[in-house]
Amino acid sequence: MLLLPVVDPDPELAALRPLGGFFVLRTAGAAPAGCPPTTLADAYATPPPDGHRDPLAARIALVARRLRAPEPRVAVSVAQQGLAARLWSAALGCAARYGRLPDLDPRLLRWDPLASAPDDLWLAEVRALPGDPDLGTAILHGHLEPLARTLTARYGIAAGLLWGNAGSALAGAARELDRWARAHGRGDVAERAHALTDALFAHPLLRPTGTRTRTGTAFRRRSCCLYYRVPGGGVCGDCCFTRPPRSSPGAASGRP
């Protein structure tokens, strides 16, 4: 892999801005006025901490209304995949552009469940973590595992569907970063992002979620996010289905 300069993330994470909305991570200096005190740690808690609204339920209700989701699992799936895409994008973007990760502890990431990217997430404090980027610890174990446990416990949604969403979100973030890097003559950034993504998909939690091409960024997942059940929805580009399936117990659970 080509070597990139390794620098501490700057206080505004400015290197993420050119990558687009899903990659941008607001920092304390750029937080919206009146930003709520909710953190992602609050969102993952079961039950929500005393004195806090339920941010996860608020996000799922918002998604359900916007999509006119016919059943709760559809809104849960879409909401979780959206949050996974935000987390993967910000973390992978930092790792590829800085060669370092800021501390992305759920207690430091504030979340507005009623906002969309990039105004939904901001980091209370930017402090670089030592050593090579460890996205497995930061995102897989720090965020996606507790999020999956909470959603499964509250809504009974299949863990396999949620991990399929996580794999799909990672592949999508890697694809967008690769596209930006090659369009701007940054093959070094593309190569680093590809190596980091390869390592993540070798993890036992992500390895079963789908198949990837050896070269390039194509991904085919082994589960379905249920988006086809949304009125007017269809199958996604990486879906295990080639056309929307008929309603069946397996399809409703997100299993192929």
C-alpha atoms as a PDB file:
ATOM      1  CA  MET A   1       0.000   0.000   0.000  1.00  0.00           C
ATOM      2  CA  LEU A   2       1.233   3.504  -0.785  1.00  0.00           C
ATOM      3  CA  LEU A   3       2.250   5.490   2.241  1.00  0.00           C
ATOM      4  CA  LEU A   4       0.301   8.636   3.014  1.00  0.00           C
ATOM      5  CA  PRO A   5       1.386  11.302   5.464  1.00  0.00           C
ATOM      6  CA  VAL A   6      -0.076  10.631   8.886  1.00  0.00           C
ATOM      7  CA  VAL A   7      -1.357  13.768  10.583  1.00  0.00           C
ATOM      8  CA  ASP A   8      -3.570  14.408  13.567  1.00  0.00           C
ATOM      9  CA  PRO A   9      -7.132  15.326  12.580  1.00  0.00           C
ATOM     10  CA  ASP A  10      -7.600  19.093  12.667  1.00  0.00           C
ATOM     11  CA  PRO A  11     -10.154  20.616  15.059  1.00  0.00           C
ATOM     12  CA  GLU A  12     -12.730  21.081  12.288  1.00  0.00           C
ATOM     13  CA  LEU A  13     -12.092  17.817  10.396  1.00  0.00           C
ATOM     14  CA  ALA A  14     -11.848  19.961   7.276  1.00  0.00           C
ATOM     15  CA  ALA A  15     -10.495  17.136   5.106  1.00  0.00           C
ATOM     16  CA  LEU A  16     -13.921  15.464   5.221  1.00  0.00           C
ATOM     17  CA  ARG A  17     -15.819  18.401   3.718  1.00  0.00           C
ATOM     18  CA  PRO A  18     -14.883  17.851   0.068  1.00  0.00           C
ATOM     19  CA  LEU A  19     -16.061  14.233   0.286  1.00  0.00           C
ATOM     20  CA  GLY A  20     -19.753  15.121   0.596  1.00  0.00           C
ATOM     21  CA  GLY A  21     -22.536  15.175   3.155  1.00  0.00           C
ATOM     22  CA  PHE A  22     -22.410  11.614   4.442  1.00  0.00           C
ATOM     23  CA  PHE A  23     -18.691  11.987   5.204  1.00  0.00           C
ATOM     24  CA  VAL A  24     -18.863  15.353   6.946  1.00  0.00           C
ATOM     25  CA  LEU A  25     -18.606  15.244  10.719  1.00  0.00           C
ATOM     26  CA  ARG A  26     -19.429  18.476  12.494  1.00  0.00           C
ATOM     27  CA  THR A  27     -17.283  19.406  15.446  1.00  0.00           C
ATOM     28  CA  ALA A  28     -18.042  21.320  18.623  1.00  0.00           C
ATOM     29  CA  GLY A  29     -17.143  24.643  16.987  1.00  0.00           C
ATOM     30  CA  ALA A  30     -19.618  24.036  14.160  1.00  0.00           C
ATOM     31  CA  ALA A  31     -22.478  22.537  16.173  1.00  0.00           C
ATOM     32  CA  PRO A  32     -25.913  23.981  15.377  1.00  0.00           C
ATOM     33  CA  ALA A  33     -27.328  26.521  17.818  1.00  0.00           C
ATOM     34  CA  GLY A  34     -29.398  24.854  20.490  1.00  0.00           C
ATOM     35  CA  CYS A  35     -28.042  21.403  19.682  1.00  0.00           C
ATOM     36  CA  PRO A  36     -29.628  18.757  21.894  1.00  0.00           C
ATOM     37  CA  PRO A  37     -27.527  16.982  24.526  1.00  0.00           C
ATOM     38  CA  THR A  38     -28.403  13.555  23.105  1.00  0.00           C
ATOM     39  CA  THR A  39     -25.443  11.304  22.352  1.00  0.00           C
ATOM     40  CA  LEU A  40     -25.253   8.040  20.472  1.00  0.00           C
ATOM     41  CA  ALA A  41     -24.550   6.390  23.821  1.00  0.00           C
ATOM     42  CA  ASP A  42     -28.034   7.551  24.861  1.00  0.00           C
ATOM     43  CA  ALA A  43     -29.482   6.109  21.657  1.00  0.00           C
ATOM     44  CA  TYR A  44     -27.941   2.688  22.262  1.00  0.00           C
ATOM     45  CA  ALA A  45     -29.108   2.478  25.874  1.00  0.00           C
ATOM     46  CA  THR A  46     -31.991   0.149  26.781  1.00  0.00           C
ATOM     47  CA  PRO A  47     -34.054   1.685  28.249  1.00  0.00           C
ATOM     48  CA  PRO A  48     -33.078   5.286  27.398  1.00  0.00           C
ATOM     49  CA  PRO A  49     -31.416   7.135  30.290  1.00  0.00           C
ATOM     50  CA  ASP A  50     -33.736   8.892  32.709  1.00  0.00           C
ATOM     51  CA  GLY A  51     -34.476  12.448  31.678  1.00  0.00           C
ATOM     52  CA  HIS A  52     -33.756  11.841  27.991  1.00  0.00           C
ATOM     53  CA  ARG A  53     -36.183  11.481  25.152  1.00  0.00           C
ATOM     54  CA  ASP A  54     -35.866   8.250  23.210  1.00  0.00           C
ATOM     55  CA  PRO A  55     -33.744   9.328  20.232  1.00  0.00           C
ATOM     56  CA  LEU A  56     -33.787   5.954  18.509  1.00  0.00           C
ATOM     57  CA  ALA A  57     -37.576   5.704  18.613  1.00  0.00           C
ATOM     58  CA  ALA A  58     -37.806   9.296  17.347  1.00  0.00           C
ATOM     59  CA  ARG A  59     -35.569   8.521  14.350  1.00  0.00           C
ATOM     60  CA  ILE A  60     -37.477   5.339  13.491  1.00  0.00           C
ATOM     61  CA  ALA A  61     -40.821   7.144  13.736  1.00  0.00           C
ATOM     62  CA  LEU A  62     -39.519   9.893  11.444  1.00  0.00           C
ATOM     63  CA  VAL A  63     -38.315   7.361   8.859  1.00  0.00           C
ATOM     64  CA  ALA A  64     -41.614   5.477   9.075  1.00  0.00           C
ATOM     65  CA  ARG A  65     -43.604   8.657   8.364  1.00  0.00           C
ATOM     66  CA  ARG A  66     -41.393   9.771   5.480  1.00  0.00           C
ATOM     67  CA  LEU A  67     -41.377   6.377   3.784  1.00  0.00           C
ATOM     68  CA  ARG A  68     -44.932   5.422   4.740  1.00  0.00           C
ATOM     69  CA  ALA A  69     -43.377   2.178   5.940  1.00  0.00           C
ATOM     70  CA  PRO A  70     -45.969  -0.613   6.091  1.00  0.00           C
ATOM     71  CA  GLU A  71     -44.415  -2.277   9.166  1.00  0.00           C
ATOM     72  CA  PRO A  72     -42.014  -1.215  11.927  1.00  0.00           C
ATOM     73  CA  ARG A  73     -39.176  -3.492  10.770  1.00  0.00           C
ATOM     74  CA  VAL A  74     -38.892  -1.618   7.488  1.00  0.00           C
ATOM     75  CA  ALA A  75     -38.385   1.719   9.247  1.00  0.00           C
ATOM     76  CA  VAL A  76     -35.976   0.147  11.747  1.00  0.00           C
ATOM     77  CA  SER A  77     -33.888  -1.323   8.940  1.00  0.00           C
ATOM     78  CA  VAL A  78     -33.725   1.866   6.875  1.00  0.00           C
ATOM     79  CA  ALA A  79     -32.930   4.011   9.930  1.00  0.00           C
ATOM     80  CA  GLN A  80     -30.159   1.679  11.061  1.00  0.00           C
ATOM     81  CA  GLN A  81     -28.597   1.492   7.621  1.00  0.00           C
ATOM     82  CA  GLY A  82     -28.602   5.278   7.349  1.00  0.00           C
ATOM     83  CA  LEU A  83     -26.830   5.681  10.674  1.00  0.00           C
ATOM     84  CA  ALA A  84     -24.340   2.935   9.787  1.00  0.00           C
ATOM     85  CA  ALA A  85     -23.571   4.747   6.521  1.00  0.00           C
ATOM     86  CA  ARG A  86     -22.887   7.989   8.396  1.00  0.00           C
ATOM     87  CA  LEU A  87     -20.574   6.287  10.880  1.00  0.00           C
ATOM     88  CA  TRP A  88     -18.654   4.296   8.262  1.00  0.00           C
ATOM     89  CA  SER A  89     -18.297   7.322   5.988  1.00  0.00           C
ATOM     90  CA  ALA A  90     -16.917   9.654   8.651  1.00  0.00           C
ATOM     91  CA  ALA A  91     -14.564   7.031  10.084  1.00  0.00           C
ATOM     92  CA  LEU A  92     -13.319   5.704   6.737  1.00  0.00           C
ATOM     93  CA  GLY A  93     -12.886   9.239   5.443  1.00  0.00           C
ATOM     94  CA  CYS A  94     -10.773  10.204   8.464  1.00  0.00           C
ATOM     95  CA  ALA A  95      -8.703   7.033   8.267  1.00  0.00           C
ATOM     96  CA  ALA A  96      -8.044   7.426   4.545  1.00  0.00           C
ATOM     97  CA  ARG A  97      -7.320  11.155   4.523  1.00  0.00           C
ATOM     98  CA  TYR A  98      -5.530  11.630   7.856  1.00  0.00           C
ATOM     99  CA  GLY A  99      -4.142   8.153   8.482  1.00  0.00           C
ATOM    100  CA  ARG A 100      -5.593   8.529  11.970  1.00  0.00           C
ATOM    101  CA  LEU A 101      -8.963   8.324  13.648  1.00  0.00           C
ATOM    102  CA  PRO A 102     -10.381  10.821  16.097  1.00  0.00           C
ATOM    103  CA  ASP A 103     -11.918   9.329  19.208  1.00  0.00           C
ATOM    104  CA  LEU A 104     -15.429   8.358  18.072  1.00  0.00           C
ATOM    105  CA  ASP A 105     -16.679   7.134  21.423  1.00  0.00           C
ATOM    106  CA  PRO A 106     -20.520   7.137  21.439  1.00  0.00           C
ATOM    107  CA  ARG A 107     -20.424   9.486  24.439  1.00  0.00           C
ATOM    108  CA  LEU A 108     -18.598  12.096  22.325  1.00  0.00           C
ATOM    109  CA  LEU A 109     -20.846  11.866  19.272  1.00  0.00           C
ATOM    110  CA  ARG A 110     -23.922  14.028  19.635  1.00  0.00           C
ATOM    111  CA  TRP A 111     -26.927  13.122  17.524  1.00  0.00           C
ATOM    112  CA  ASP A 112     -30.032  14.924  16.377  1.00  0.00           C
ATOM    113  CA  PRO A 113     -32.406  12.111  15.342  1.00  0.00           C
ATOM    114  CA  LEU A 114     -34.687  14.532  13.498  1.00  0.00           C
ATOM    115  CA  ALA A 115     -31.961  15.980  11.247  1.00  0.00           C
ATOM    116  CA  SER A 116     -30.384  14.624   8.072  1.00  0.00           C
ATOM    117  CA  ALA A 117     -26.736  14.444   7.030  1.00  0.00           C
ATOM    118  CA  PRO A 118     -24.522  16.307   7.705  1.00  0.00           C
ATOM    119  CA  ASP A 119     -26.425  18.088  10.480  1.00  0.00           C
ATOM    120  CA  ASP A 120     -27.331  14.935  12.408  1.00  0.00           C
ATOM    121  CA  LEU A 121     -23.905  14.148  13.883  1.00  0.00           C
ATOM    122  CA  TRP A 122     -21.223  16.248  15.504  1.00  0.00           C
ATOM    123  CA  LEU A 123     -18.220  15.431  17.600  1.00  0.00           C
ATOM    124  CA  ALA A 124     -17.946  17.150  20.963  1.00  0.00           C
ATOM    125  CA  GLU A 125     -14.142  16.963  21.031  1.00  0.00           C
ATOM    126  CA  VAL A 126     -11.580  16.108  18.345  1.00  0.00           C
ATOM    127  CA  ARG A 127      -8.717  14.118  19.827  1.00  0.00           C
ATOM    128  CA  ALA A 128      -6.616  11.787  17.730  1.00  0.00           C
ATOM    129  CA  LEU A 129      -6.328   8.165  18.760  1.00  0.00           C
ATOM    130  CA  PRO A 130      -2.781   6.766  18.814  1.00  0.00           C
ATOM    131  CA  GLY A 131      -1.588   4.180  16.330  1.00  0.00           C
ATOM    132  CA  ASP A 132      -3.044   2.902  13.070  1.00  0.00           C
ATOM    133  CA  PRO A 133      -6.777   3.394  12.389  1.00  0.00           C
ATOM    134  CA  ASP A 134      -8.800   0.650  14.057  1.00  0.00           C
ATOM    135  CA  LEU A 135     -12.242   0.909  12.520  1.00  0.00           C
ATOM    136  CA  GLY A 136     -13.216  -2.484  13.883  1.00  0.00           C
ATOM    137  CA  THR A 137     -12.944  -1.284  17.459  1.00  0.00           C
ATOM    138  CA  ALA A 138     -14.238   2.213  16.773  1.00  0.00           C
ATOM    139  CA  ILE A 139     -17.262   1.439  14.609  1.00  0.00           C
ATOM    140  CA  LEU A 140     -18.021  -2.296  14.646  1.00  0.00           C
ATOM    141  CA  HIS A 141     -17.670  -2.796  18.387  1.00  0.00           C
ATOM    142  CA  GLY A 142     -18.109   0.793  19.544  1.00  0.00           C
ATOM    143  CA  HIS A 143     -21.309   1.538  17.620  1.00  0.00           C
ATOM    144  CA  LEU A 144     -22.822  -1.128  15.404  1.00  0.00           C
ATOM    145  CA  GLU A 145     -22.810  -3.955  17.947  1.00  0.00           C
ATOM    146  CA  PRO A 146     -24.607  -1.979  20.691  1.00  0.00           C
ATOM    147  CA  LEU A 147     -26.978  -0.513  18.098  1.00  0.00           C
ATOM    148  CA  ALA A 148     -27.829  -3.986  16.771  1.00  0.00           C
ATOM    149  CA  ARG A 149     -28.382  -5.357  20.289  1.00  0.00           C
ATOM    150  CA  THR A 150     -30.740  -2.508  21.128  1.00  0.00           C
ATOM    151  CA  LEU A 151     -32.754  -2.800  17.916  1.00  0.00           C
ATOM    152  CA  THR A 152     -33.052  -6.564  18.209  1.00  0.00           C
ATOM    153  CA  ALA A 153     -34.120  -6.319  21.855  1.00  0.00           C
ATOM    154  CA  ARG A 154     -36.686  -3.583  21.231  1.00  0.00           C
ATOM    155  CA  TYR A 155     -38.074  -4.477  17.826  1.00  0.00           C
ATOM    156  CA  GLY A 156     -37.218  -8.144  17.323  1.00  0.00           C
ATOM    157  CA  ILE A 157     -35.490  -7.441  14.027  1.00  0.00           C
ATOM    158  CA  ALA A 158     -33.115 -10.143  12.773  1.00  0.00           C
ATOM    159  CA  ALA A 159     -29.449  -9.561  13.559  1.00  0.00           C
ATOM    160  CA  GLY A 160     -28.469 -10.942  10.150  1.00  0.00           C
ATOM    161  CA  LEU A 161     -30.466  -8.216   8.426  1.00  0.00           C
ATOM    162  CA  LEU A 162     -28.773  -5.513  10.517  1.00  0.00           C
ATOM    163  CA  TRP A 163     -25.286  -6.848   9.799  1.00  0.00           C
ATOM    164  CA  GLY A 164     -26.187  -7.059   6.121  1.00  0.00           C
ATOM    165  CA  ASN A 165     -27.110  -3.381   6.328  1.00  0.00           C
ATOM    166  CA  ALA A 166     -23.769  -2.668   8.013  1.00  0.00           C
ATOM    167  CA  GLY A 167     -21.877  -4.446   5.232  1.00  0.00           C
ATOM    168  CA  SER A 168     -23.873  -2.644   2.564  1.00  0.00           C
ATOM    169  CA  ALA A 169     -23.266   0.723   4.238  1.00  0.00           C
ATOM    170  CA  LEU A 170     -19.520   0.063   4.446  1.00  0.00           C
ATOM    171  CA  ALA A 171     -19.350  -0.966   0.790  1.00  0.00           C
ATOM    172  CA  GLY A 172     -21.258   2.158  -0.194  1.00  0.00           C
ATOM    173  CA  ALA A 173     -18.963   4.442   1.817  1.00  0.00           C
ATOM    174  CA  ALA A 174     -15.880   2.785   0.306  1.00  0.00           C
ATOM    175  CA  ARG A 175     -17.312   3.130  -3.195  1.00  0.00           C
ATOM    176  CA  GLU A 176     -18.006   6.859  -2.776  1.00  0.00           C
ATOM    177  CA  LEU A 177     -14.574   7.503  -1.284  1.00  0.00           C
ATOM    178  CA  ASP A 178     -12.921   5.588  -4.112  1.00  0.00           C
ATOM    179  CA  ARG A 179     -14.909   7.604  -6.667  1.00  0.00           C
ATOM    180  CA  TRP A 180     -13.842  10.908  -5.096  1.00  0.00           C
ATOM    181  CA  ALA A 181     -10.195   9.864  -4.783  1.00  0.00           C
ATOM    182  CA  ARG A 182      -9.886   8.777  -8.404  1.00  0.00           C
ATOM    183  CA  ALA A 183     -11.717  11.851  -9.706  1.00  0.00           C
ATOM    184  CA  HIS A 184      -9.235  14.063  -7.850  1.00  0.00           C
ATOM    185  CA  GLY A 185      -6.093  12.141  -8.723  1.00  0.00           C
ATOM    186  CA  ARG A 186      -5.698  10.746  -5.199  1.00  0.00           C
ATOM    187  CA  GLY A 187      -4.899   7.138  -5.925  1.00  0.00           C
ATOM    188  CA  ASP A 188      -3.091   7.032  -2.585  1.00  0.00           C
ATOM    189  CA  VAL A 189      -6.337   7.771  -0.729  1.00  0.00           C
ATOM    190  CA  ALA A 190      -8.190   5.192  -2.828  1.00  0.00           C
ATOM    191  CA  GLU A 191      -5.577   2.551  -2.061  1.00  0.00           C
ATOM    192  CA  ARG A 192      -5.637   3.204   1.666  1.00  0.00           C
ATOM    193  CA  ALA A 193      -9.453   3.124   1.738  1.00  0.00           C
ATOM    194  CA  HIS A 194      -9.449  -0.151  -0.207  1.00  0.00           C
ATOM    195  CA  ALA A 195      -6.979  -1.771   2.201  1.00  0.00           C
ATOM    196  CA  LEU A 196      -8.981  -0.643   5.239  1.00  0.00           C
ATOM    197  CA  THR A 197     -12.207  -1.930   3.695  1.00  0.00           C
ATOM    198  CA  ASP A 198     -10.611  -5.293   2.872  1.00  0.00           C
ATOM    199  CA  ALA A 199      -9.541  -5.668   6.497  1.00  0.00           C
ATOM    200  CA  LEU A 200     -13.029  -4.825   7.764  1.00  0.00           C
ATOM    201  CA  PHE A 201     -14.756  -7.316   5.478  1.00  0.00           C
ATOM    202  CA  ALA A 202     -12.421 -10.011   6.786  1.00  0.00           C
ATOM    203  CA  HIS A 203     -13.955  -9.500  10.260  1.00  0.00           C
ATOM    204  CA  PRO A 204     -16.297 -12.339  11.356  1.00  0.00           C
ATOM    205  CA  LEU A 205     -19.209  -9.925  11.752  1.00  0.00           C
ATOM    206  CA  LEU A 206     -18.938  -8.627   8.186  1.00  0.00           C
ATOM    207  CA  ARG A 207     -17.437 -11.548   6.272  1.00  0.00           C
ATOM    208  CA  PRO A 208     -20.806 -13.385   5.915  1.00  0.00           C
ATOM    209  CA  THR A 209     -22.746 -10.297   4.831  1.00  0.00           C
ATOM    210  CA  GLY A 210     -21.980 -10.465   1.106  1.00  0.00           C
ATOM    211  CA  THR A 211     -19.489 -10.968  -1.683  1.00  0.00           C
ATOM    212  CA  ARG A 212     -17.101  -8.411  -3.150  1.00  0.00           C
ATOM    213  CA  THR A 213     -15.109  -8.240  -6.337  1.00  0.00           C
ATOM    214  CA  ARG A 214     -11.369  -8.725  -5.922  1.00  0.00           C
ATOM    215  CA  THR A 215     -10.782  -5.490  -7.774  1.00  0.00           C
ATOM    216  CA  GLY A 216     -13.111  -2.533  -7.673  1.00  0.00           C
ATOM    217  CA  THR A 217     -15.843  -1.778  -5.177  1.00  0.00           C
ATOM    218  CA  ALA A 218     -18.831  -3.905  -6.255  1.00  0.00           C
ATOM    219  CA  PHE A 219     -20.714  -5.671  -3.438  1.00  0.00           C
ATOM    220  CA  ARG A 220     -23.617  -8.141  -3.418  1.00  0.00           C
ATOM    221  CA  ARG A 221     -25.210  -8.694  -0.049  1.00  0.00           C
ATOM    222  CA  ARG A 222     -26.763 -11.960   1.128  1.00  0.00           C
ATOM    223  CA  SER A 223     -29.754 -10.370   2.842  1.00  0.00           C
ATOM    224  CA  CYS A 224     -32.349  -7.734   2.044  1.00  0.00           C
ATOM    225  CA  CYS A 225     -32.891  -4.407   3.818  1.00  0.00           C
ATOM    226  CA  LEU A 226     -36.688  -4.602   3.131  1.00  0.00           C
ATOM    227  CA  TYR A 227     -36.758  -1.326   1.193  1.00  0.00           C
ATOM    228  CA  TYR A 228     -38.767  -3.052  -1.543  1.00  0.00           C
ATOM    229  CA  ARG A 229     -41.692  -3.143   0.901  1.00  0.00           C
ATOM    230  CA  VAL A 230     -41.887   0.666   0.950  1.00  0.00           C
ATOM    231  CA  PRO A 231     -44.666   2.024  -1.324  1.00  0.00           C
ATOM    232  CA  GLY A 232     -42.983   2.678  -4.660  1.00  0.00           C
ATOM    233  CA  GLY A 233     -39.740   1.123  -3.479  1.00  0.00           C
ATOM    234  CA  GLY A 234     -37.707  -1.488  -5.315  1.00  0.00           C
ATOM    235  CA  VAL A 235     -34.605  -3.568  -4.739  1.00  0.00           C
ATOM    236  CA  CYS A 236     -31.302  -1.818  -4.061  1.00  0.00           C
ATOM    237  CA  GLY A 237     -28.305  -2.179  -6.344  1.00  0.00           C
ATOM    238  CA  ASP A 238     -26.531  -4.601  -4.009  1.00  0.00           C
ATOM    239  CA  CYS A 239     -29.615  -6.605  -2.969  1.00  0.00           C
ATOM    240  CA  CYS A 240     -29.639 -10.391  -2.909  1.00  0.00           C
ATOM    241  CA  PHE A 241     -32.841 -10.187  -4.969  1.00  0.00           C
ATOM    242  CA  THR A 242     -32.906  -9.196  -8.627  1.00  0.00           C
ATOM    243  CA  ARG A 243     -36.552  -8.171  -8.400  1.00  0.00           C
ATOM    244  CA  PRO A 244     -38.906  -7.461  -5.497  1.00  0.00           C
ATOM    245  CA  PRO A 245     -40.003 -10.818  -4.077  1.00  0.00           C
ATOM    246  CA  ARG A 246     -43.533 -11.790  -3.249  1.00  0.00           C
ATOM    247  CA  SER A 247     -44.479 -11.401   0.377  1.00  0.00           C
ATOM    248  CA  SER A 248     -43.341 -14.394   2.390  1.00  0.00           C
ATOM    249  CA  PRO A 249     -42.080 -15.074   5.933  1.00  0.00           C
ATOM    250  CA  GLY A 250     -38.498 -15.205   4.685  1.00  0.00           C
ATOM    251  CA  ALA A 251     -38.818 -11.964   2.735  1.00  0.00           C
ATOM    252  CA  ALA A 252     -40.426 -10.162   5.655  1.00  0.00           C
ATOM    253  CA  SER A 253     -37.536 -11.023   7.922  1.00  0.00           C
ATOM    254  CA  GLY A 254     -34.969  -9.864   5.403  1.00  0.00           C
ATOM    255  CA  ARG A 255     -33.684 -13.359   4.609  1.00  0.00           C
ATOM    256  CA  PRO A 256     -33.205 -14.335   0.973  1.00  0.00           C
END
